[in-house]
Amino acid sequence: MTESGRQGYVSAGFSRVNRPNQSIALTVLYHFYVKLLERMRTEQEWDIRDKLNYFGLDAAERGRTRNDLVPGNEAITDMSALMTSGASYGSLKRMTLREAEEALFGQGCEAFFRDNCERLVHKRLGDFQAESGLQSAVNAAAKEYPEIGLFELTDWTDENKTGNVLTAIRGLIRDTSNDLQISAAELDTLYSGRVEDQPFQRLPLMDKHNVRSLIRYLTETVYGHKLHMLRIQADLELLRRYELALEKWHAQAKHITVQLSSLERELHQAATDSIRQADSYTGQNLFEYYERVTEDVMRELESKRGNLYFLIPGIWGLYPDCWTGVCPHWWIDLRRPVAP
């Protein structure tokens, strides 16, 4: 009522409404984070061979790694040139191959194989870093398959989950151990065979020729088999190291997923507390409204830049050597300890 007695009204334009900027920011951050985690949790139908391939543990890749460690057959080529005792074929033909080897070379062949093959493999295995190789494979696979999220990889390396790679690797360890036992038994059988029963060329009245044929057969067959056994032993050692590397990778991945889930709860608490402290009118329906807005904006970006836009490595300006919270799974670095 004015002094003149006329009815007056207060313009809504002069009323003061406080925009809850902090509440909005926290709410949007929370919803964006939740929806990002949802995308990281998406499960893909991969069989165990593809999972092993993701970690660089498929048969072909393991074979290439093994071949880098174990020398080829050329490593035993020069063994046939070792000095012999000069024993005649007639004195050797009724011996076992083991006895004939000792009669011809003493411990020379074994020493040659030990120095040129076994010690070389041992040295190369000493330099081999399974964790580094695993990390490199994951980094490369993450760029090629960004749809595979950290949570899914954590399940893939969880020994209690169906179709996990740890169980597959342990199965390969058992199979390879059995192969090694079978190969060792085959070597014993080969060594116990009589010289005159072996399938190498012999000519009558050609003693030196027959000895040379025996030596060639001995080095190519017996030590070729030993080289095959050395490859199996290298396979077994690699698998055991991969098992340990996967266990460590899983422990770190699990630690990070727990942190990610914990951060989700903290963001939710911060957003709801902020809304609760805001004006009762301006804060109403804010949580639900910005959930829809955030989803719409994210889907719009995905429609323009691809469904995997938010999972592309480096999209946040971060790379494998800089873990800063929310990030694609390939930023886990086994060389860096996880903070307690």
Protein backbone atom coordinates (compact mmCIF):
# COMPACT_ATOMS: atom_id res chain seq x y z
CA MET A 1 0.00 0.00 0.00
CA THR A 2 1.44 3.40 -1.02
CA GLU A 3 1.12 6.67 0.91
CA SER A 4 -1.60 7.77 -1.55
CA GLY A 5 -3.64 4.71 -0.72
CA ARG A 6 -3.01 2.87 -4.01
CA GLN A 7 -2.20 -0.88 -4.00
CA GLY A 8 1.45 -1.52 -4.95
CA TYR A 9 3.32 -4.67 -6.12
CA VAL A 10 6.94 -5.69 -5.82
CA SER A 11 8.43 -6.58 -9.19
CA ALA A 12 9.86 -10.09 -9.44
CA GLY A 13 12.80 -8.54 -11.27
CA PHE A 14 13.97 -6.99 -8.03
CA SER A 15 13.76 -10.25 -6.04
CA ARG A 16 17.11 -11.96 -5.34
CA VAL A 17 17.61 -15.60 -6.24
CA ASN A 18 20.95 -17.24 -5.40
CA ARG A 19 22.11 -19.72 -8.04
CA PRO A 20 23.67 -22.74 -6.28
CA ASN A 21 26.78 -22.84 -8.46
CA GLN A 22 28.79 -25.04 -6.12
CA SER A 23 25.97 -27.55 -5.80
CA ILE A 24 25.55 -27.63 -9.57
CA ALA A 25 29.27 -28.13 -10.16
CA LEU A 26 29.51 -30.96 -7.63
CA THR A 27 26.37 -32.59 -8.98
CA VAL A 28 27.57 -32.46 -12.58
CA LEU A 29 30.98 -33.77 -11.54
CA TYR A 30 29.39 -36.66 -9.67
CA HIS A 31 27.08 -37.65 -12.53
CA PHE A 32 29.86 -37.36 -15.09
CA TYR A 33 32.10 -39.52 -12.94
CA VAL A 34 29.40 -42.16 -12.41
CA LYS A 35 28.64 -42.34 -16.11
CA LEU A 36 32.32 -42.55 -16.95
CA LEU A 37 32.69 -45.50 -14.57
CA GLU A 38 29.63 -47.12 -16.16
CA ARG A 39 31.39 -46.99 -19.50
CA MET A 40 34.54 -48.42 -17.95
CA ARG A 41 32.50 -51.26 -16.42
CA THR A 42 30.95 -52.34 -19.71
CA GLU A 43 31.54 -56.06 -20.24
CA GLN A 44 32.68 -57.51 -23.57
CA GLU A 45 32.25 -61.11 -24.72
CA TRP A 46 35.86 -62.23 -25.21
CA ASP A 47 37.05 -65.84 -25.16
CA ILE A 48 40.14 -66.85 -23.23
CA ARG A 49 42.40 -66.82 -26.30
CA ASP A 50 41.51 -63.21 -27.01
CA LYS A 51 42.08 -62.29 -23.36
CA LEU A 52 45.52 -63.88 -23.43
CA ASN A 53 46.24 -62.01 -26.65
CA TYR A 54 45.27 -58.73 -24.94
CA PHE A 55 47.98 -59.29 -22.33
CA GLY A 56 50.51 -60.43 -24.93
CA LEU A 57 50.33 -63.99 -23.61
CA ASP A 58 48.93 -65.83 -26.62
CA ALA A 59 50.83 -68.85 -27.97
CA ALA A 60 52.35 -66.95 -30.91
CA GLU A 61 53.70 -64.12 -28.76
CA ARG A 62 55.01 -66.51 -26.11
CA GLY A 63 56.74 -68.48 -28.87
CA ARG A 64 58.44 -65.37 -30.20
CA THR A 65 59.64 -64.47 -26.72
CA ARG A 66 60.93 -68.01 -26.15
CA ASN A 67 62.78 -67.99 -29.47
CA ASP A 68 64.51 -64.78 -28.45
CA LEU A 69 65.80 -66.59 -25.37
CA VAL A 70 66.76 -70.00 -26.74
CA PRO A 71 69.28 -70.32 -29.61
CA GLY A 72 68.36 -72.20 -32.77
CA ASN A 73 69.76 -75.51 -34.00
CA GLU A 74 72.80 -73.71 -35.36
CA ALA A 75 74.04 -73.51 -31.77
CA ILE A 76 74.91 -77.22 -31.80
CA THR A 77 76.23 -77.40 -35.37
CA ASP A 78 79.86 -77.09 -34.31
CA MET A 79 79.51 -79.87 -31.75
CA SER A 80 80.32 -82.50 -34.40
CA ALA A 81 83.75 -80.89 -34.83
CA LEU A 82 84.79 -81.64 -31.24
CA MET A 83 87.89 -83.79 -30.81
CA THR A 84 87.13 -87.48 -30.31
CA SER A 85 89.02 -90.29 -28.64
CA GLY A 86 89.54 -92.06 -31.97
CA ALA A 87 87.41 -95.06 -30.99
CA SER A 88 86.48 -97.35 -33.88
CA TYR A 89 82.93 -98.03 -34.98
CA GLY A 90 83.42 -101.69 -34.24
CA SER A 91 84.09 -100.86 -30.57
CA LEU A 92 81.09 -98.54 -30.40
CA LYS A 93 78.29 -100.35 -32.20
CA ARG A 94 77.19 -102.53 -29.29
CA MET A 95 77.23 -99.64 -26.80
CA THR A 96 74.24 -97.51 -25.87
CA LEU A 97 74.24 -93.98 -27.26
CA ARG A 98 75.13 -92.66 -23.81
CA GLU A 99 78.09 -95.00 -23.56
CA ALA A 100 79.19 -94.20 -27.11
CA GLU A 101 79.06 -90.45 -26.43
CA GLU A 102 81.25 -90.84 -23.37
CA ALA A 103 83.65 -93.12 -25.24
CA LEU A 104 84.01 -90.60 -28.06
CA PHE A 105 83.88 -87.26 -26.25
CA GLY A 106 84.02 -87.87 -22.51
CA GLN A 107 82.14 -84.86 -21.04
CA GLY A 108 82.94 -82.67 -24.05
CA CYS A 109 79.46 -82.63 -25.62
CA GLU A 110 77.77 -81.88 -22.31
CA ALA A 111 80.22 -79.04 -21.59
CA PHE A 112 79.71 -77.61 -25.09
CA PHE A 113 75.92 -77.67 -24.70
CA ARG A 114 76.12 -76.18 -21.22
CA ASP A 115 78.39 -73.32 -22.30
CA ASN A 116 76.75 -72.47 -25.62
CA CYS A 117 73.09 -73.13 -24.87
CA GLU A 118 72.12 -73.54 -21.23
CA ARG A 119 74.19 -70.67 -19.85
CA LEU A 120 73.07 -68.38 -22.66
CA VAL A 121 69.42 -69.07 -21.90
CA HIS A 122 70.04 -68.59 -18.19
CA LYS A 123 71.63 -65.19 -18.83
CA ARG A 124 68.83 -64.06 -21.13
CA LEU A 125 66.21 -65.14 -18.63
CA GLY A 126 68.05 -63.13 -16.01
CA ASP A 127 67.62 -60.03 -18.15
CA PHE A 128 63.98 -60.76 -19.02
CA GLN A 129 61.38 -58.54 -17.32
CA ALA A 130 57.94 -60.16 -17.43
CA GLU A 131 56.26 -57.20 -15.71
CA SER A 132 57.61 -54.72 -18.23
CA GLY A 133 56.54 -56.91 -21.14
CA LEU A 134 53.07 -57.33 -19.69
CA GLN A 135 52.71 -53.59 -19.14
CA SER A 136 53.80 -52.82 -22.71
CA ALA A 137 51.26 -55.31 -24.07
CA VAL A 138 48.45 -53.78 -21.99
CA ASN A 139 49.39 -50.26 -23.06
CA ALA A 140 49.31 -51.26 -26.73
CA ALA A 141 46.07 -53.22 -26.38
CA ALA A 142 44.34 -50.34 -24.58
CA LYS A 143 44.88 -48.11 -27.59
CA GLU A 144 43.50 -50.76 -29.93
CA TYR A 145 40.60 -51.82 -27.68
CA PRO A 146 39.56 -48.79 -25.60
CA GLU A 147 36.18 -50.40 -24.97
CA ILE A 148 37.83 -52.78 -22.48
CA GLY A 149 37.68 -51.02 -19.14
CA LEU A 150 39.76 -51.27 -16.00
CA PHE A 151 37.00 -53.04 -14.07
CA GLU A 152 36.73 -55.70 -16.76
CA LEU A 153 40.49 -56.22 -16.85
CA THR A 154 40.44 -56.60 -13.08
CA ASP A 155 37.92 -59.42 -13.50
CA TRP A 156 39.99 -60.99 -16.26
CA THR A 157 42.94 -61.27 -13.87
CA ASP A 158 40.88 -62.39 -10.87
CA GLU A 159 41.49 -66.07 -10.19
CA ASN A 160 38.00 -66.36 -8.70
CA LYS A 161 36.23 -65.13 -11.85
CA THR A 162 35.09 -67.41 -14.67
CA GLY A 163 37.30 -67.25 -17.75
CA ASN A 164 40.21 -65.48 -16.05
CA VAL A 165 43.68 -65.49 -17.59
CA LEU A 166 45.45 -66.56 -14.39
CA THR A 167 43.68 -69.91 -14.41
CA ALA A 168 44.53 -70.30 -18.09
CA ILE A 169 48.22 -69.59 -17.45
CA ARG A 170 48.28 -72.06 -14.55
CA GLY A 171 46.75 -74.68 -16.83
CA LEU A 172 49.51 -74.02 -19.35
CA ILE A 173 52.09 -74.39 -16.57
CA ARG A 174 50.70 -77.85 -15.74
CA ASP A 175 50.64 -78.88 -19.40
CA THR A 176 54.17 -77.62 -20.01
CA SER A 177 55.45 -79.39 -16.89
CA ASN A 178 53.95 -82.62 -18.23
CA ASP A 179 55.54 -82.00 -21.64
CA LEU A 180 58.92 -81.57 -19.96
CA GLN A 181 58.56 -84.86 -18.08
CA ILE A 182 57.57 -86.66 -21.28
CA SER A 183 60.50 -85.14 -23.15
CA ALA A 184 62.92 -86.18 -20.39
CA ALA A 185 61.62 -89.76 -20.59
CA GLU A 186 62.07 -89.70 -24.37
CA LEU A 187 65.67 -88.56 -23.92
CA ASP A 188 66.36 -91.45 -21.55
CA THR A 189 64.88 -93.88 -24.06
CA LEU A 190 66.97 -92.37 -26.84
CA TYR A 191 70.17 -92.55 -24.80
CA SER A 192 69.55 -96.18 -23.83
CA GLY A 193 69.23 -97.33 -27.44
CA ARG A 194 72.09 -99.39 -28.91
CA VAL A 195 74.26 -97.71 -31.53
CA GLU A 196 73.78 -100.51 -34.08
CA ASP A 197 69.99 -100.13 -33.83
CA GLN A 198 69.95 -96.41 -34.70
CA PRO A 199 68.76 -95.22 -38.16
CA PHE A 200 71.91 -93.60 -39.54
CA GLN A 201 73.89 -94.56 -42.66
CA ARG A 202 76.56 -97.26 -42.32
CA LEU A 203 78.80 -98.61 -45.05
CA PRO A 204 80.71 -101.92 -44.91
CA LEU A 205 84.44 -101.65 -44.35
CA MET A 206 84.12 -97.85 -43.90
CA ASP A 207 84.90 -97.50 -40.21
CA LYS A 208 85.71 -93.77 -40.22
CA HIS A 209 82.64 -92.97 -42.30
CA ASN A 210 80.45 -94.91 -39.89
CA VAL A 211 81.95 -93.09 -36.88
CA ARG A 212 81.30 -89.73 -38.55
CA SER A 213 77.71 -90.79 -39.27
CA LEU A 214 77.29 -91.81 -35.64
CA ILE A 215 78.69 -88.48 -34.42
CA ARG A 216 76.37 -86.56 -36.75
CA TYR A 217 73.39 -88.60 -35.57
CA LEU A 218 74.39 -88.19 -31.93
CA THR A 219 74.72 -84.40 -32.10
CA GLU A 220 71.68 -83.79 -34.30
CA THR A 221 69.31 -86.25 -32.64
CA VAL A 222 70.33 -86.41 -29.00
CA TYR A 223 71.43 -82.80 -28.60
CA GLY A 224 68.69 -81.61 -30.91
CA HIS A 225 66.31 -83.22 -28.43
CA LYS A 226 68.13 -81.57 -25.53
CA LEU A 227 67.71 -78.22 -27.28
CA HIS A 228 64.00 -78.99 -27.63
CA MET A 229 63.86 -79.69 -23.90
CA LEU A 230 65.62 -76.40 -23.24
CA ARG A 231 62.84 -74.63 -25.16
CA ILE A 232 60.23 -76.36 -23.02
CA GLN A 233 62.11 -75.36 -19.87
CA ALA A 234 62.21 -71.75 -21.09
CA ASP A 235 58.47 -71.90 -21.84
CA LEU A 236 57.83 -73.13 -18.32
CA GLU A 237 59.96 -70.44 -16.71
CA LEU A 238 58.27 -67.72 -18.79
CA LEU A 239 54.81 -68.96 -17.81
CA ARG A 240 55.74 -68.91 -14.12
CA ARG A 241 57.01 -65.35 -14.43
CA TYR A 242 53.90 -64.31 -16.32
CA GLU A 243 51.80 -65.81 -13.53
CA LEU A 244 53.58 -63.66 -10.93
CA ALA A 245 53.33 -60.57 -13.15
CA LEU A 246 49.58 -61.09 -13.62
CA GLU A 247 49.07 -61.53 -9.88
CA LYS A 248 50.89 -58.25 -9.25
CA TRP A 249 49.01 -56.48 -12.05
CA HIS A 250 45.70 -57.66 -10.63
CA ALA A 251 46.58 -56.49 -7.12
CA GLN A 252 47.32 -53.00 -8.40
CA ALA A 253 44.28 -52.91 -10.68
CA LYS A 254 42.06 -54.03 -7.79
CA HIS A 255 43.55 -51.35 -5.57
CA ILE A 256 42.72 -48.70 -8.16
CA THR A 257 39.15 -49.91 -8.73
CA VAL A 258 38.57 -49.76 -4.98
CA GLN A 259 39.85 -46.17 -5.00
CA LEU A 260 37.60 -45.33 -7.95
CA SER A 261 34.54 -46.73 -6.17
CA SER A 262 35.49 -44.89 -2.99
CA LEU A 263 35.79 -41.62 -4.91
CA GLU A 264 32.33 -42.20 -6.35
CA ARG A 265 30.89 -42.40 -2.83
CA GLU A 266 32.80 -39.30 -1.73
CA LEU A 267 31.56 -37.27 -4.70
CA HIS A 268 28.00 -38.38 -4.03
CA GLN A 269 28.28 -37.32 -0.41
CA ALA A 270 29.78 -33.95 -1.34
CA ALA A 271 27.07 -33.25 -3.93
CA THR A 272 24.14 -34.21 -1.70
CA ASP A 273 25.56 -32.26 1.27
CA SER A 274 25.95 -29.17 -0.91
CA ILE A 275 22.40 -29.46 -2.23
CA ARG A 276 21.08 -29.90 1.29
CA GLN A 277 22.76 -26.66 2.34
CA ALA A 278 21.41 -24.74 -0.65
CA ASP A 279 18.17 -22.78 -0.69
CA SER A 280 15.25 -25.19 -0.37
CA TYR A 281 13.65 -23.83 -3.56
CA THR A 282 16.70 -23.60 -5.83
CA GLY A 283 18.03 -26.94 -4.67
CA GLN A 284 14.93 -28.99 -5.38
CA ASN A 285 15.17 -31.53 -8.25
CA LEU A 286 18.71 -30.29 -8.95
CA PHE A 287 20.25 -33.77 -8.57
CA GLU A 288 17.83 -35.46 -10.98
CA TYR A 289 17.85 -32.59 -13.48
CA TYR A 290 21.62 -32.47 -13.89
CA GLU A 291 21.81 -36.24 -14.17
CA ARG A 292 19.75 -35.96 -17.36
CA VAL A 293 21.72 -32.92 -18.58
CA THR A 294 25.06 -34.66 -18.03
CA GLU A 295 23.94 -37.80 -19.82
CA ASP A 296 22.61 -35.76 -22.76
CA VAL A 297 25.87 -33.83 -23.12
CA MET A 298 27.98 -36.99 -22.94
CA ARG A 299 25.84 -38.76 -25.51
CA GLU A 300 26.00 -35.75 -27.80
CA LEU A 301 29.80 -35.79 -27.64
CA GLU A 302 29.83 -39.54 -28.29
CA SER A 303 27.51 -39.15 -31.28
CA LYS A 304 29.90 -36.59 -32.78
CA ARG A 305 33.24 -38.15 -31.85
CA GLY A 306 32.50 -41.85 -31.45
CA ASN A 307 30.98 -44.13 -28.83
CA LEU A 308 34.37 -44.67 -27.21
CA TYR A 309 35.23 -40.99 -26.98
CA PHE A 310 35.48 -40.92 -23.18
CA LEU A 311 37.63 -44.08 -23.09
CA ILE A 312 40.26 -43.03 -25.61
CA PRO A 313 43.71 -43.07 -23.93
CA GLY A 314 45.09 -39.56 -23.58
CA ILE A 315 41.71 -37.83 -24.01
CA TRP A 316 42.21 -36.12 -20.65
CA GLY A 317 45.76 -35.09 -21.52
CA LEU A 318 47.17 -37.89 -19.37
CA TYR A 319 49.43 -40.74 -20.35
CA PRO A 320 50.68 -44.05 -18.89
CA ASP A 321 53.31 -42.48 -16.63
CA CYS A 322 50.95 -40.11 -14.83
CA TRP A 323 48.23 -41.66 -12.71
CA THR A 324 45.99 -38.89 -11.46
CA GLY A 325 42.74 -40.51 -10.45
CA VAL A 326 40.09 -41.20 -13.06
CA CYS A 327 41.82 -42.65 -16.07
CA PRO A 328 41.78 -45.48 -18.58
CA HIS A 329 43.06 -48.81 -17.30
CA TRP A 330 46.31 -48.79 -19.24
CA TRP A 331 47.74 -46.10 -16.96
CA ILE A 332 48.54 -48.71 -14.33
CA ASP A 333 52.31 -48.98 -14.26
CA LEU A 334 53.74 -52.06 -12.59
CA ARG A 335 57.08 -50.31 -12.11
CA ARG A 336 55.54 -47.82 -9.69
CA PRO A 337 54.38 -48.92 -6.22
CA VAL A 338 50.80 -48.23 -5.24
CA ALA A 339 50.46 -45.81 -2.35
CA PRO A 340 48.87 -47.37 0.73
